[in-house]
Amino acid sequence: MRERNGFAAMVAVAAILLSTVFLTPFDTAFAQGRPGAGPGVRSVQNVERAWELQAKGVAAELALTPELTGKLVDAYKAARQNHAKALQAGLQESGAERRDIDTFRKVNDAEKVKFEAAVKEFLTPEQTAKAVTTLGSFNRRWDRLVAVLDTLKLDEASLSKAMTRVAAYAAESDQVMRAAMEKDDFESARGDMTKLREKLDTDLAGILTPEQLAVWKETTAMRGGRGMGRREGAPAPQPAQ
């Protein structure tokens, strides 16, 4: 029984890891120039909007001027577009599967260096370090969480507060996930991820209305197990009749 539970935990966390760091239908569609990649938060338009909100949120924390904020938004969008294309090309060249971790790491490291170089052109070294730490993670789960927040139509003050909480969660969960992959310790990662998510929902409960919070929880629920590749908020596949 213990071995079965351990395997279930590994599969559940692996599903979260894969949905966060590997190629998604959106990445494939974007790299190939298709207009979209599916409904809801995974459409090209919504993801691009999420990128803009992420960059603006970081710019606000850095107290950047409107001019520098615009430059950061443009640099980040370009970096995300280049990352998607490079990842698609890397997988095709290597003949690797869609979720090959080695290809991802290679592309992610290379594109992060390029993004940092671009940001250094207009930010101070300290600002660059802070911006790259968060934005340079190319975190896909953060994209989806921000896209969902955007659909809740919050006022500017509430959206800013919620974005700060989600950005912190994205940074912390990214560290947990990468540590889990390095150490192959999925059991403890599962508990850490659960605690981080519970904290995020608690923080957002002080910002969102009960109705908005209910939508948030339903749409962004982390699902693993047999639904490994399924998007957050998507209905579970039904067994064949």
Protein backbone atom coordinates (compact mmCIF):
# COMPACT_ATOMS: atom_id res chain seq x y z
CA MET A 1 0.00 0.00 0.00
CA ARG A 2 2.81 2.39 0.87
CA GLU A 3 4.52 1.71 -2.46
CA ARG A 4 1.24 2.31 -4.29
CA ASN A 5 0.71 5.62 -2.49
CA GLY A 6 4.29 6.63 -3.23
CA PHE A 7 3.83 5.90 -6.92
CA ALA A 8 0.56 7.85 -6.99
CA ALA A 9 2.30 10.82 -5.40
CA MET A 10 5.10 10.62 -7.95
CA VAL A 11 2.64 10.56 -10.85
CA ALA A 12 0.60 13.45 -9.42
CA VAL A 13 3.62 15.68 -8.94
CA ALA A 14 5.08 14.64 -12.29
CA ALA A 15 1.88 15.83 -13.94
CA ILE A 16 2.29 19.23 -12.33
CA LEU A 17 5.96 19.38 -13.28
CA LEU A 18 5.30 18.52 -16.88
CA SER A 19 2.43 20.98 -17.26
CA THR A 20 4.68 23.71 -15.85
CA VAL A 21 7.95 23.37 -17.70
CA PHE A 22 7.39 21.49 -20.92
CA LEU A 23 5.98 22.21 -24.36
CA THR A 24 2.25 22.86 -24.37
CA PRO A 25 -0.22 22.97 -27.29
CA PHE A 26 0.07 26.76 -27.10
CA ASP A 27 3.85 26.63 -27.60
CA THR A 28 3.46 24.36 -30.61
CA ALA A 29 0.77 26.55 -32.14
CA PHE A 30 2.73 29.74 -31.51
CA ALA A 31 5.94 28.34 -32.94
CA GLN A 32 4.12 27.16 -36.05
CA GLY A 33 2.29 30.44 -36.52
CA ARG A 34 -1.22 29.09 -35.96
CA PRO A 35 -3.76 31.62 -34.64
CA GLY A 36 -4.63 29.77 -31.44
CA ALA A 37 -4.22 26.67 -29.35
CA GLY A 38 -7.54 25.88 -27.80
CA PRO A 39 -10.21 27.42 -25.63
CA GLY A 40 -10.01 29.45 -22.46
CA VAL A 41 -6.76 30.51 -20.85
CA ARG A 42 -4.65 28.62 -23.35
CA SER A 43 -5.53 30.76 -26.37
CA VAL A 44 -2.72 32.77 -27.91
CA GLN A 45 -4.44 36.06 -27.11
CA ASN A 46 -4.92 35.25 -23.44
CA VAL A 47 -1.37 33.99 -22.99
CA GLU A 48 0.08 37.10 -24.62
CA ARG A 49 -2.08 39.19 -22.31
CA ALA A 50 -0.75 37.15 -19.36
CA TRP A 51 2.81 37.91 -20.43
CA GLU A 52 2.01 41.62 -20.50
CA LEU A 53 0.49 41.51 -17.03
CA GLN A 54 3.44 39.54 -15.66
CA ALA A 55 5.97 42.02 -17.01
CA LYS A 56 3.95 45.00 -15.80
CA GLY A 57 3.66 43.45 -12.37
CA VAL A 58 7.42 43.02 -12.11
CA ALA A 59 7.91 46.55 -13.44
CA ALA A 60 5.64 47.90 -10.71
CA GLU A 61 7.65 46.09 -8.03
CA LEU A 62 10.81 47.63 -9.48
CA ALA A 63 9.14 51.06 -9.62
CA LEU A 64 10.06 51.45 -13.29
CA THR A 65 9.04 54.47 -15.33
CA PRO A 66 6.33 54.02 -18.01
CA GLU A 67 9.05 54.06 -20.67
CA LEU A 68 11.09 51.32 -18.99
CA THR A 69 7.94 49.35 -18.28
CA GLY A 70 7.12 49.34 -21.97
CA LYS A 71 10.62 48.17 -22.81
CA LEU A 72 10.40 45.36 -20.26
CA VAL A 73 7.04 44.23 -21.64
CA ASP A 74 8.40 44.16 -25.18
CA ALA A 75 11.59 42.34 -24.17
CA TYR A 76 9.67 39.74 -22.19
CA LYS A 77 7.14 39.07 -24.94
CA ALA A 78 9.95 38.64 -27.43
CA ALA A 79 11.75 36.30 -25.04
CA ARG A 80 8.67 34.13 -24.56
CA GLN A 81 8.04 33.97 -28.31
CA ASN A 82 11.67 33.05 -28.97
CA HIS A 83 11.59 30.46 -26.20
CA ALA A 84 8.56 28.74 -27.72
CA LYS A 85 10.13 28.66 -31.17
CA ALA A 86 13.52 27.50 -29.88
CA LEU A 87 11.94 24.72 -27.85
CA GLN A 88 9.93 23.49 -30.78
CA ALA A 89 13.00 23.57 -33.01
CA GLY A 90 15.14 21.84 -30.38
CA LEU A 91 12.70 18.97 -30.02
CA GLN A 92 12.43 18.52 -33.77
CA GLU A 93 16.20 18.57 -34.21
CA SER A 94 16.89 16.08 -31.45
CA GLY A 95 13.96 13.88 -32.33
CA ALA A 96 13.04 13.95 -28.65
CA GLU A 97 9.57 13.53 -27.29
CA ARG A 98 7.35 16.49 -26.48
CA ARG A 99 8.37 16.46 -22.82
CA ASP A 100 12.08 15.81 -23.02
CA ILE A 101 13.63 17.42 -19.95
CA ASP A 102 17.16 17.71 -21.33
CA THR A 103 16.02 19.68 -24.36
CA PHE A 104 13.94 21.95 -22.19
CA ARG A 105 16.81 22.70 -19.83
CA LYS A 106 19.17 23.46 -22.68
CA VAL A 107 16.71 25.80 -24.40
CA ASN A 108 15.58 27.41 -21.18
CA ASP A 109 19.14 28.22 -20.09
CA ALA A 110 20.06 29.63 -23.49
CA GLU A 111 16.95 31.80 -23.80
CA LYS A 112 17.29 33.04 -20.23
CA VAL A 113 20.79 34.30 -21.02
CA LYS A 114 19.47 36.08 -24.11
CA PHE A 115 16.64 37.67 -22.11
CA GLU A 116 19.05 38.84 -19.45
CA ALA A 117 21.28 40.43 -22.09
CA ALA A 118 18.31 42.25 -23.60
CA VAL A 119 17.11 43.57 -20.23
CA LYS A 120 20.59 44.76 -19.26
CA GLU A 121 20.35 47.28 -22.08
CA PHE A 122 17.89 49.43 -20.13
CA LEU A 123 17.81 48.21 -16.50
CA THR A 124 20.37 48.46 -13.71
CA PRO A 125 22.21 45.25 -12.66
CA GLU A 126 20.04 44.97 -9.55
CA GLN A 127 16.81 45.50 -11.49
CA THR A 128 17.96 43.03 -14.13
CA ALA A 129 18.65 40.34 -11.53
CA LYS A 130 15.21 40.72 -9.98
CA ALA A 131 13.41 40.79 -13.31
CA VAL A 132 15.22 37.76 -14.72
CA THR A 133 14.71 35.70 -11.56
CA THR A 134 10.95 35.77 -12.05
CA LEU A 135 10.33 36.44 -15.73
CA GLY A 136 13.28 34.33 -16.86
CA SER A 137 11.69 31.19 -15.48
CA PHE A 138 9.33 31.03 -18.51
CA ASN A 139 6.80 29.47 -16.12
CA ARG A 140 3.77 28.18 -18.03
CA ARG A 141 1.68 27.55 -14.96
CA TRP A 142 2.15 31.21 -14.03
CA ASP A 143 0.80 32.08 -17.49
CA ARG A 144 -2.38 30.16 -16.83
CA LEU A 145 -2.91 31.53 -13.33
CA VAL A 146 -2.50 35.11 -14.53
CA ALA A 147 -4.81 34.51 -17.48
CA VAL A 148 -7.49 33.28 -15.09
CA LEU A 149 -7.05 36.33 -12.85
CA ASP A 150 -7.54 38.52 -15.89
CA THR A 151 -10.89 36.89 -16.65
CA LEU A 152 -12.18 37.78 -13.17
CA LYS A 153 -12.34 41.47 -14.13
CA LEU A 154 -10.81 42.79 -10.91
CA ASP A 155 -10.36 46.48 -10.25
CA GLU A 156 -6.83 47.78 -10.71
CA ALA A 157 -5.91 47.73 -7.02
CA SER A 158 -7.24 44.20 -6.46
CA LEU A 159 -5.58 42.87 -9.61
CA SER A 160 -2.24 44.36 -8.53
CA LYS A 161 -2.47 42.69 -5.11
CA ALA A 162 -3.53 39.36 -6.60
CA MET A 163 -0.76 39.51 -9.20
CA THR A 164 1.83 40.02 -6.46
CA ARG A 165 0.59 36.96 -4.59
CA VAL A 166 0.52 34.82 -7.73
CA ALA A 167 4.00 35.95 -8.78
CA ALA A 168 5.37 34.93 -5.38
CA TYR A 169 3.64 31.56 -5.65
CA ALA A 170 5.03 31.02 -9.15
CA ALA A 171 8.59 31.75 -8.01
CA GLU A 172 8.34 29.50 -4.95
CA SER A 173 6.65 26.62 -6.78
CA ASP A 174 9.21 26.84 -9.57
CA GLN A 175 11.97 26.28 -7.02
CA VAL A 176 10.13 23.32 -5.50
CA MET A 177 9.54 21.71 -8.88
CA ARG A 178 13.10 22.05 -10.06
CA ALA A 179 14.43 20.73 -6.76
CA ALA A 180 12.10 17.74 -7.07
CA MET A 181 13.43 16.92 -10.52
CA GLU A 182 17.03 17.25 -9.39
CA LYS A 183 16.58 15.12 -6.27
CA ASP A 184 13.90 12.80 -7.65
CA ASP A 185 11.95 13.48 -4.44
CA PHE A 186 8.35 13.71 -5.60
CA GLU A 187 6.77 12.78 -2.27
CA SER A 188 8.04 15.82 -0.38
CA ALA A 189 7.45 18.04 -3.43
CA ARG A 190 3.81 17.03 -3.43
CA GLY A 191 3.41 18.22 0.15
CA ASP A 192 5.31 21.45 -0.50
CA MET A 193 3.21 22.21 -3.57
CA THR A 194 0.01 21.59 -1.67
CA LYS A 195 1.08 23.96 1.12
CA LEU A 196 2.06 26.67 -1.36
CA ARG A 197 -1.24 26.39 -3.18
CA GLU A 198 -3.26 26.47 0.04
CA LYS A 199 -1.38 29.61 1.10
CA LEU A 200 -2.06 31.24 -2.27
CA ASP A 201 -5.78 30.50 -2.07
CA THR A 202 -5.89 31.84 1.49
CA ASP A 203 -4.13 35.03 0.41
CA LEU A 204 -6.50 35.49 -2.51
CA ALA A 205 -9.52 34.93 -0.27
CA GLY A 206 -8.73 38.34 1.22
CA ILE A 207 -8.77 39.93 -2.23
CA LEU A 208 -11.40 38.13 -4.30
CA THR A 209 -15.12 37.95 -3.67
CA PRO A 210 -16.48 34.51 -2.65
CA GLU A 211 -17.84 34.07 -6.18
CA GLN A 212 -14.52 35.01 -7.78
CA LEU A 213 -12.63 32.73 -5.42
CA ALA A 214 -14.89 29.81 -6.34
CA VAL A 215 -14.22 30.37 -10.04
CA TRP A 216 -10.50 30.72 -9.36
CA LYS A 217 -10.29 27.43 -7.45
CA GLU A 218 -12.29 25.50 -10.01
CA THR A 219 -10.44 26.86 -13.04
CA THR A 220 -6.93 26.57 -11.64
CA ALA A 221 -7.25 23.28 -9.77
CA MET A 222 -4.13 21.11 -10.09
CA ARG A 223 -5.03 17.74 -11.49
CA GLY A 224 -2.71 14.79 -11.83
CA GLY A 225 -2.85 11.04 -12.06
CA ARG A 226 -4.39 9.66 -15.23
CA GLY A 227 -5.10 13.18 -16.46
CA MET A 228 -1.43 14.03 -16.89
CA GLY A 229 -1.39 16.43 -19.83
CA ARG A 230 -4.85 17.74 -19.16
CA ARG A 231 -5.11 21.47 -18.65
CA GLU A 232 -6.12 23.07 -15.34
CA GLY A 233 -9.86 23.39 -15.11
CA ALA A 234 -10.56 20.92 -17.91
CA PRO A 235 -13.11 18.15 -17.21
CA ALA A 236 -11.74 14.71 -16.49
CA PRO A 237 -11.92 12.28 -19.42
CA GLN A 238 -14.89 9.96 -19.16
CA PRO A 239 -14.49 6.18 -19.44
CA ALA A 240 -15.65 4.53 -22.65
CA GLN A 241 -19.19 3.23 -22.54
